[in-house]
Each structure stands twice: as structure tokens, then as C-alpha cells.
Amino acid sequence: MQNFFGQKEEKPAGPDPLFAATTEMEMYTHLFNKMASTCFEKCASRKHKENDLALGEMSCSDRCVAKYLEAQEKVGVVLQKANEAQMAQQKSLQDMQNALGN
């Protein structure tokens, strides 16, 4: 593919940054929607006598959101470690294949 100046345009070797950003935004949107609906179901009163949340509802919501984010962080750490282990395993396999090929 050529760019505006007629030079050949090369794609970056790594993952597509636009795809990564879009995927991350979709993930955070899903997390927020799931967290909001779960915490609302758990904490908000069904009677809705007032426009604002009651003190108990607010503290319940705060705890619920904190737990959700803490769990999300823990899952992220586990997935990051698994991803790093998989990358190391792939590199090791590639190194062995290169050693056998030479």
C-alpha cells in the first residue's frame, strides 16, 4: 500500500494499536455496565422514595464497586502472568527450533 507521497507504507510489526485501544475500551465499557447493574441490583432500594441514595445504599455501592475493581485487578494480574509465561514458552520453543535448524 502506498501513502499520499507515493512511498510504500509499512505496517508495524506488533499488534494494531487501534484494535488494541478499541478492545480495551469495549472491555472497560463492559466492566462498567456489569458493575453498575450488579451493584445497583444489590444495593439500591426498590422503593425509591427519594431522588438521592440513602446512606446505607451509598456505602453498599462504594463497597460493591471497590470489590469489583479489586477483583478485576487480581484477574488482570493473573492473566498478565499467564500471558508472560506463554510468551516465554513460545520464545523458548522458537529458540529450540532455531537451534535445531542451524
N, C-alpha and C. Protein backbone atom coordinates (compact mmCIF):
# COMPACT_ATOMS: atom_id res chain seq x y z
N MET A 1 0.84 -1.17 0.00
CA MET A 1 0.00 0.00 0.00
C MET A 1 0.89 1.24 0.00
N GLN A 2 0.51 2.23 -0.77
CA GLN A 2 1.30 3.45 -0.85
C GLN A 2 0.60 4.57 -0.11
N ASN A 3 1.43 5.44 0.49
CA ASN A 3 0.85 6.57 1.20
C ASN A 3 0.65 7.74 0.24
N PHE A 4 0.30 8.88 0.76
CA PHE A 4 -0.01 10.07 -0.03
C PHE A 4 1.17 10.51 -0.90
N PHE A 5 2.39 10.30 -0.42
CA PHE A 5 3.58 10.75 -1.13
C PHE A 5 4.13 9.69 -2.08
N GLY A 6 3.45 8.60 -2.27
CA GLY A 6 3.87 7.56 -3.20
C GLY A 6 4.87 6.59 -2.62
N GLN A 7 5.19 6.72 -1.35
CA GLN A 7 6.12 5.81 -0.72
C GLN A 7 5.37 4.60 -0.19
N LYS A 8 6.07 3.48 -0.17
CA LYS A 8 5.44 2.27 0.35
C LYS A 8 5.24 2.40 1.85
N GLU A 9 4.03 2.13 2.29
CA GLU A 9 3.69 2.24 3.70
C GLU A 9 3.83 0.87 4.34
N GLU A 10 4.62 0.80 5.42
CA GLU A 10 4.83 -0.48 6.11
C GLU A 10 3.99 -0.53 7.37
N LYS A 11 3.43 -1.69 7.62
CA LYS A 11 2.63 -1.89 8.84
C LYS A 11 3.59 -2.19 9.99
N PRO A 12 3.26 -1.72 11.19
CA PRO A 12 4.10 -2.05 12.34
C PRO A 12 4.07 -3.55 12.61
N ALA A 13 5.19 -4.05 13.15
CA ALA A 13 5.32 -5.49 13.37
C ALA A 13 4.43 -5.99 14.51
N GLY A 14 4.13 -5.14 15.48
CA GLY A 14 3.35 -5.55 16.64
C GLY A 14 1.86 -5.52 16.37
N PRO A 15 1.09 -5.67 17.42
CA PRO A 15 -0.37 -5.63 17.27
C PRO A 15 -0.85 -4.24 16.84
N ASP A 16 -1.98 -4.21 16.19
CA ASP A 16 -2.57 -2.97 15.72
C ASP A 16 -2.99 -2.11 16.91
N PRO A 17 -2.43 -0.89 17.06
CA PRO A 17 -2.76 -0.08 18.23
C PRO A 17 -4.23 0.35 18.26
N LEU A 18 -4.83 0.58 17.10
CA LEU A 18 -6.25 0.96 17.07
C LEU A 18 -7.12 -0.19 17.55
N PHE A 19 -6.81 -1.41 17.11
CA PHE A 19 -7.56 -2.58 17.56
C PHE A 19 -7.40 -2.77 19.06
N ALA A 20 -6.17 -2.60 19.56
CA ALA A 20 -5.92 -2.75 21.00
C ALA A 20 -6.69 -1.71 21.80
N ALA A 21 -6.70 -0.47 21.34
CA ALA A 21 -7.42 0.58 22.05
C ALA A 21 -8.93 0.34 22.01
N THR A 22 -9.43 -0.08 20.87
CA THR A 22 -10.86 -0.37 20.74
C THR A 22 -11.27 -1.52 21.65
N THR A 23 -10.48 -2.57 21.66
CA THR A 23 -10.76 -3.73 22.51
C THR A 23 -10.72 -3.34 23.98
N GLU A 24 -9.73 -2.53 24.37
CA GLU A 24 -9.63 -2.10 25.76
C GLU A 24 -10.84 -1.25 26.15
N MET A 25 -11.25 -0.37 25.25
CA MET A 25 -12.41 0.49 25.55
C MET A 25 -13.68 -0.35 25.69
N GLU A 26 -13.85 -1.35 24.83
CA GLU A 26 -15.00 -2.25 24.92
C GLU A 26 -14.98 -3.02 26.24
N MET A 27 -13.78 -3.45 26.65
CA MET A 27 -13.65 -4.19 27.90
C MET A 27 -14.05 -3.31 29.09
N TYR A 28 -13.56 -2.07 29.11
CA TYR A 28 -13.90 -1.17 30.22
C TYR A 28 -15.38 -0.80 30.21
N THR A 29 -15.96 -0.65 29.03
CA THR A 29 -17.39 -0.35 28.94
C THR A 29 -18.20 -1.52 29.49
N HIS A 30 -17.81 -2.74 29.12
CA HIS A 30 -18.50 -3.93 29.62
C HIS A 30 -18.33 -4.03 31.14
N LEU A 31 -17.12 -3.79 31.65
CA LEU A 31 -16.88 -3.83 33.09
C LEU A 31 -17.75 -2.82 33.82
N PHE A 32 -17.80 -1.58 33.30
CA PHE A 32 -18.60 -0.55 33.95
C PHE A 32 -20.07 -0.92 33.95
N ASN A 33 -20.59 -1.36 32.80
CA ASN A 33 -22.02 -1.71 32.72
C ASN A 33 -22.37 -2.87 33.64
N LYS A 34 -21.51 -3.88 33.67
CA LYS A 34 -21.76 -5.03 34.53
C LYS A 34 -21.69 -4.64 36.01
N MET A 35 -20.69 -3.82 36.34
CA MET A 35 -20.53 -3.37 37.72
C MET A 35 -21.72 -2.51 38.15
N ALA A 36 -22.13 -1.60 37.29
CA ALA A 36 -23.25 -0.71 37.63
C ALA A 36 -24.54 -1.50 37.83
N SER A 37 -24.82 -2.44 36.93
CA SER A 37 -26.07 -3.20 37.08
C SER A 37 -26.02 -4.12 38.29
N THR A 38 -24.89 -4.77 38.53
CA THR A 38 -24.78 -5.68 39.67
C THR A 38 -24.89 -4.91 40.99
N CYS A 39 -24.15 -3.81 41.10
CA CYS A 39 -24.17 -3.05 42.36
C CYS A 39 -25.52 -2.37 42.57
N PHE A 40 -26.17 -1.93 41.49
CA PHE A 40 -27.49 -1.32 41.64
C PHE A 40 -28.49 -2.36 42.12
N GLU A 41 -28.47 -3.55 41.51
CA GLU A 41 -29.37 -4.62 41.93
C GLU A 41 -29.16 -4.98 43.39
N LYS A 42 -27.89 -5.01 43.81
CA LYS A 42 -27.57 -5.43 45.16
C LYS A 42 -27.87 -4.34 46.19
N CYS A 43 -27.63 -3.08 45.85
CA CYS A 43 -27.61 -2.02 46.87
C CYS A 43 -28.79 -1.07 46.85
N ALA A 44 -29.40 -0.83 45.71
CA ALA A 44 -30.44 0.20 45.63
C ALA A 44 -31.76 -0.35 46.14
N SER A 45 -32.45 0.46 46.88
CA SER A 45 -33.76 0.09 47.41
C SER A 45 -34.78 0.05 46.28
N ARG A 46 -35.72 -0.81 46.38
CA ARG A 46 -36.75 -0.94 45.35
C ARG A 46 -37.86 0.12 45.50
N LYS A 47 -37.89 0.78 46.66
CA LYS A 47 -38.99 1.70 46.93
C LYS A 47 -38.77 3.10 46.37
N HIS A 48 -37.53 3.54 46.23
CA HIS A 48 -37.18 4.84 45.63
C HIS A 48 -38.07 5.98 46.11
N LYS A 49 -38.04 6.24 47.39
CA LYS A 49 -38.84 7.33 47.94
C LYS A 49 -38.19 8.69 47.68
N GLU A 50 -36.84 8.71 47.53
CA GLU A 50 -36.13 9.97 47.35
C GLU A 50 -35.30 9.92 46.07
N ASN A 51 -34.89 11.11 45.62
CA ASN A 51 -34.05 11.19 44.42
C ASN A 51 -32.63 10.70 44.68
N ASP A 52 -32.14 10.92 45.90
CA ASP A 52 -30.77 10.55 46.25
C ASP A 52 -30.75 9.19 46.93
N LEU A 53 -29.57 8.59 46.92
CA LEU A 53 -29.39 7.32 47.62
C LEU A 53 -29.34 7.56 49.13
N ALA A 54 -29.82 6.61 49.88
CA ALA A 54 -29.71 6.67 51.33
C ALA A 54 -28.26 6.35 51.73
N LEU A 55 -27.90 6.66 52.95
CA LEU A 55 -26.54 6.44 53.42
C LEU A 55 -26.13 4.97 53.30
N GLY A 56 -27.00 4.06 53.67
CA GLY A 56 -26.71 2.64 53.57
C GLY A 56 -26.52 2.20 52.12
N GLU A 57 -27.32 2.75 51.22
CA GLU A 57 -27.19 2.43 49.80
C GLU A 57 -25.86 2.95 49.25
N MET A 58 -25.46 4.14 49.67
CA MET A 58 -24.19 4.71 49.22
C MET A 58 -23.00 3.89 49.69
N SER A 59 -23.00 3.51 50.97
CA SER A 59 -21.88 2.73 51.49
C SER A 59 -21.85 1.34 50.86
N CYS A 60 -23.01 0.75 50.63
CA CYS A 60 -23.08 -0.54 49.95
C CYS A 60 -22.52 -0.43 48.53
N SER A 61 -22.90 0.63 47.83
CA SER A 61 -22.41 0.85 46.47
C SER A 61 -20.91 1.05 46.44
N ASP A 62 -20.39 1.84 47.39
CA ASP A 62 -18.94 2.06 47.48
C ASP A 62 -18.19 0.74 47.68
N ARG A 63 -18.69 -0.08 48.61
CA ARG A 63 -18.04 -1.37 48.88
C ARG A 63 -18.14 -2.29 47.66
N CYS A 64 -19.30 -2.29 47.02
CA CYS A 64 -19.51 -3.15 45.86
C CYS A 64 -18.55 -2.78 44.72
N VAL A 65 -18.45 -1.49 44.43
CA VAL A 65 -17.56 -1.03 43.36
C VAL A 65 -16.10 -1.33 43.72
N ALA A 66 -15.71 -1.10 44.97
CA ALA A 66 -14.34 -1.38 45.39
C ALA A 66 -14.01 -2.86 45.23
N LYS A 67 -14.94 -3.74 45.61
CA LYS A 67 -14.72 -5.18 45.47
C LYS A 67 -14.63 -5.57 44.00
N TYR A 68 -15.48 -4.99 43.18
CA TYR A 68 -15.46 -5.29 41.74
C TYR A 68 -14.12 -4.90 41.13
N LEU A 69 -13.65 -3.70 41.45
CA LEU A 69 -12.38 -3.23 40.89
C LEU A 69 -11.19 -4.03 41.43
N GLU A 70 -11.24 -4.40 42.69
CA GLU A 70 -10.18 -5.22 43.27
C GLU A 70 -10.13 -6.59 42.59
N ALA A 71 -11.28 -7.18 42.37
CA ALA A 71 -11.33 -8.47 41.69
C ALA A 71 -10.83 -8.35 40.26
N GLN A 72 -11.20 -7.27 39.59
CA GLN A 72 -10.75 -7.05 38.21
C GLN A 72 -9.22 -6.90 38.16
N GLU A 73 -8.66 -6.21 39.15
CA GLU A 73 -7.21 -6.04 39.20
C GLU A 73 -6.52 -7.38 39.42
N LYS A 74 -7.07 -8.20 40.33
CA LYS A 74 -6.47 -9.51 40.59
C LYS A 74 -6.53 -10.40 39.35
N VAL A 75 -7.65 -10.38 38.65
CA VAL A 75 -7.77 -11.16 37.42
C VAL A 75 -6.76 -10.66 36.38
N GLY A 76 -6.60 -9.35 36.30
CA GLY A 76 -5.63 -8.77 35.36
C GLY A 76 -4.22 -9.23 35.65
N VAL A 77 -3.84 -9.29 36.93
CA VAL A 77 -2.50 -9.74 37.31
C VAL A 77 -2.30 -11.20 36.92
N VAL A 78 -3.29 -12.03 37.19
CA VAL A 78 -3.20 -13.46 36.85
C VAL A 78 -3.08 -13.63 35.33
N LEU A 79 -3.90 -12.90 34.58
CA LEU A 79 -3.84 -13.01 33.13
C LEU A 79 -2.51 -12.49 32.58
N GLN A 80 -1.97 -11.43 33.17
CA GLN A 80 -0.68 -10.90 32.74
C GLN A 80 0.42 -11.92 32.96
N LYS A 81 0.41 -12.58 34.13
CA LYS A 81 1.42 -13.61 34.41
C LYS A 81 1.29 -14.78 33.45
N ALA A 82 0.05 -15.18 33.16
CA ALA A 82 -0.17 -16.28 32.22
C ALA A 82 0.32 -15.90 30.83
N ASN A 83 0.06 -14.66 30.44
CA ASN A 83 0.49 -14.19 29.13
C ASN A 83 2.02 -14.16 29.04
N GLU A 84 2.67 -13.68 30.11
CA GLU A 84 4.13 -13.65 30.14
C GLU A 84 4.71 -15.06 30.07
N ALA A 85 4.10 -16.00 30.79
CA ALA A 85 4.57 -17.39 30.76
C ALA A 85 4.41 -17.98 29.35
N GLN A 86 3.29 -17.68 28.71
CA GLN A 86 3.05 -18.18 27.37
C GLN A 86 4.06 -17.59 26.38
N MET A 87 4.36 -16.29 26.52
CA MET A 87 5.35 -15.65 25.65
C MET A 87 6.73 -16.27 25.85
N ALA A 88 7.10 -16.53 27.11
CA ALA A 88 8.39 -17.15 27.41
C ALA A 88 8.45 -18.56 26.83
N GLN A 89 7.35 -19.29 26.92
CA GLN A 89 7.31 -20.64 26.36
C GLN A 89 7.43 -20.60 24.84
N GLN A 90 6.76 -19.66 24.20
CA GLN A 90 6.87 -19.52 22.75
C GLN A 90 8.28 -19.15 22.33
N LYS A 91 8.92 -18.25 23.09
CA LYS A 91 10.29 -17.85 22.77
C LYS A 91 11.23 -19.04 22.93
N SER A 92 11.03 -19.80 24.00
CA SER A 92 11.85 -20.98 24.23
C SER A 92 11.69 -21.99 23.10
N LEU A 93 10.46 -22.20 22.66
CA LEU A 93 10.19 -23.12 21.56
C LEU A 93 10.84 -22.62 20.28
N GLN A 94 10.74 -21.33 20.04
CA GLN A 94 11.34 -20.75 18.84
C GLN A 94 12.86 -20.87 18.89
N ASP A 95 13.46 -20.64 20.06
CA ASP A 95 14.90 -20.78 20.22
C ASP A 95 15.35 -22.22 19.96
N MET A 96 14.57 -23.19 20.45
CA MET A 96 14.90 -24.60 20.21
C MET A 96 14.80 -24.93 18.73
N GLN A 97 13.76 -24.42 18.06
CA GLN A 97 13.61 -24.66 16.63
C GLN A 97 14.75 -24.03 15.85
N ASN A 98 15.18 -22.84 16.25
CA ASN A 98 16.31 -22.19 15.59
C ASN A 98 17.60 -22.97 15.82
N ALA A 99 17.79 -23.50 17.02
CA ALA A 99 18.99 -24.27 17.34
C ALA A 99 19.03 -25.57 16.54
N LEU A 100 17.88 -26.20 16.37
CA LEU A 100 17.83 -27.45 15.60
C LEU A 100 17.97 -27.19 14.10
N GLY A 101 17.55 -26.02 13.68
CA GLY A 101 17.63 -25.66 12.25
C GLY A 101 19.03 -25.30 11.81
N ASN A 102 19.89 -24.90 12.73
CA ASN A 102 21.26 -24.49 12.36
C ASN A 102 22.22 -25.61 12.38
